């Protein structure tokens, strides 16, 4: 069923004409500049600085794979079907080039010299001594050469298919081939199965941690791959391809089959970016651009490996705990006891888990109890991203084995997790679980788990809702809120949404929950407009909203209207934000800040104050048009006053007072890092947060709580 079947009301107001919104793509690049700042900070442990550099490189890969495609340039001045004009794409490419140049400058001039000071080096061919060259040669002959087949280009050997983000070499050859012909260009494709970073053994490393890049190993042996020919100009290269799967869901009979077929072609989508060595000859670069049908702005000359993201392999080869963040062990959720039944505990009230400061193990323990409790009859769950190795999926499999009714809503189109989700769906179906794929045309992004239990003569529901994914690995790296509840109204809403997604029947009126694409957008706009009216009437009002991205123009327009009527608004937006803050006469009452820390900020928390009335919602949704109109998303209230205050303190106040890891957005669209000496309004706790950052303060708070509880147990 399409969302139109339930007649969602779409707010119509547009952004005020006098307010020029910021460009989303440039906002994404600005976010990556803020992430890169962590790689520049000398107080950050050295390996972690390299990790942030790799994160930015990986983010840029996805940015190009999904958004910055030259083929989206409008064909002519009268054609508005493209996302870019030639001029706008040129500006975007220039901004991306600047960011990439900063990455490689830091890699070459900052990080590598710092690693060398600790006896950790990436040794180039020119710096290897004879023993090291001998070892590299033996490694090449044993592990690499058997997998390489150089291709000399001629009419019988056209330019080969080059996979997305794979390592390759282009070589110019002098002389003639074995048949007396001149075919001056050859391509060497380097298989992905080979490690990109190789550690040298102790016998040639002299007590240091010495590594070589696979690209350097291949480069040193190019001449030996073309006997009888002279190798002239050459360069490593990597092409990035458009990788967003496009499947017409209305025109396929089996979405899973169609997506699996689409995955086979993802690695060979349309080229969008070409990376070459900085020394690559113009003739070779031009040849490659022509082969991939790319404009000059899509060429990136880099001073180092063409794929910095693969340097995570170097991190795995280094044994130096002192160069890492001190290990952080999340505490078991402080309001839970491992020995206590979740069902008994939730009858006394709701439970919040603030991840990763508290452990995701609490969520797994809840599901585990539901699986092994003979009185639990049914389990329903949404799956967006769980990873390829998931204890949670093993528990669902066990639930099926124990005869429970298991219904799983699997989102097959979770970008870059499609294959893992298809595999999980097929596994669960094969053992008897009911697997559905949500609603045609909409991604299921809501995060819900519902257990139905027989208690005497009645059935009681117990639910888990979350701002994040059911992925134990990312639960250690992302800040998210898990909400466990036995609230009969909220769990009835969860049941209704599950039935709606499975049966595609008309959705009944929900008691507490807001659901996209039906009323989430409309209710947010109404809430903001109501605060604007209250402020105009002289009542105290406040909005504080934390999210990953803010780009929806209707919501932005509502925020601007409310701000102009006097509503004080603080927006904590980790990533792209297109609302310019503090524009005189337009957004004076709106402050936007971004917090980039050790953990990825991922929780969505929306707070509204109207006089003495406070409301706070948690959500799976960012304030983006796609989340509001093209996804199944949820927002739900936290009604317990003590839990609501805890969220205000930990997710909002702490971040508004962060004086170390926060960035404030100015009217011109630029971010500046807050003064490290800035203190909050309250004295003691705010000074601590300002000195340490919100995440550091929360880590310390939960570590001390865990220690206190351990001491009480002892």
Foldseek 3Di string as FASTA:
>chain_A
DAPCVQPFDDDDDFAPPVFFWADQLVQQLQLLVLLLVLLVDPVAFLLVSLLSLLVSLVSVLVCQQAPLFPVLAAPDPVGPRRPHHPVRSLVSLVSVLVVQQVSQCCVPVPRQVVVVVVQAHAAFPVRADPVRVVVLVVCCVPPFVVPKDKFQDDPVTHDDQAFAFFKKKKWFKDFAAPVRHHRGIIMITGDPVDQQKAWDDPVRSVPGTYIYGPVRSCVVCVQVNGPPIDTDFMKMKGWHARQQDDDQLVPDPDPLVVVVVSVVCRRRHQTGAMEIALPHDPVVVVVVCVVRVHDPSRYHHHHDDRNSSSCVVVVVSDDDCVSHDDDFDAFAQLLDDLVDQPVVSQVVHKGKDWFPNHACVVVVSNLLCLQPDPQWAEKEWEAQDADQDHPSLVSLLSSVVVPHAYEYAYACNNPPCNVSSSVSQVVCVVSPHHYHHFDPQFGALWGKMKIWGDDPPDIFIKMKGKLDGNYNVLSNFETIMIMIHRPVQVNVQVVQRVCCRVVVDHGDDGDFKDKPQRCPNVVLLVLLQVLLVLLLVPAAKEKEKEAAEADARSNLSSNQSSVLSPYQYEYAYATGYRRQACDPPTHVRYKYKHFDDRGHYRWIKIWIDRHPDIWMKTWNDDNDPCRHHRYTIMIGTDDPVVVVVVCCVQVPVLQVLAQAGMWIGHRVGRTDRHHLCGFDPDPDPRRVCSNQPSVRSSSVVSVVSSVVVVVVVD
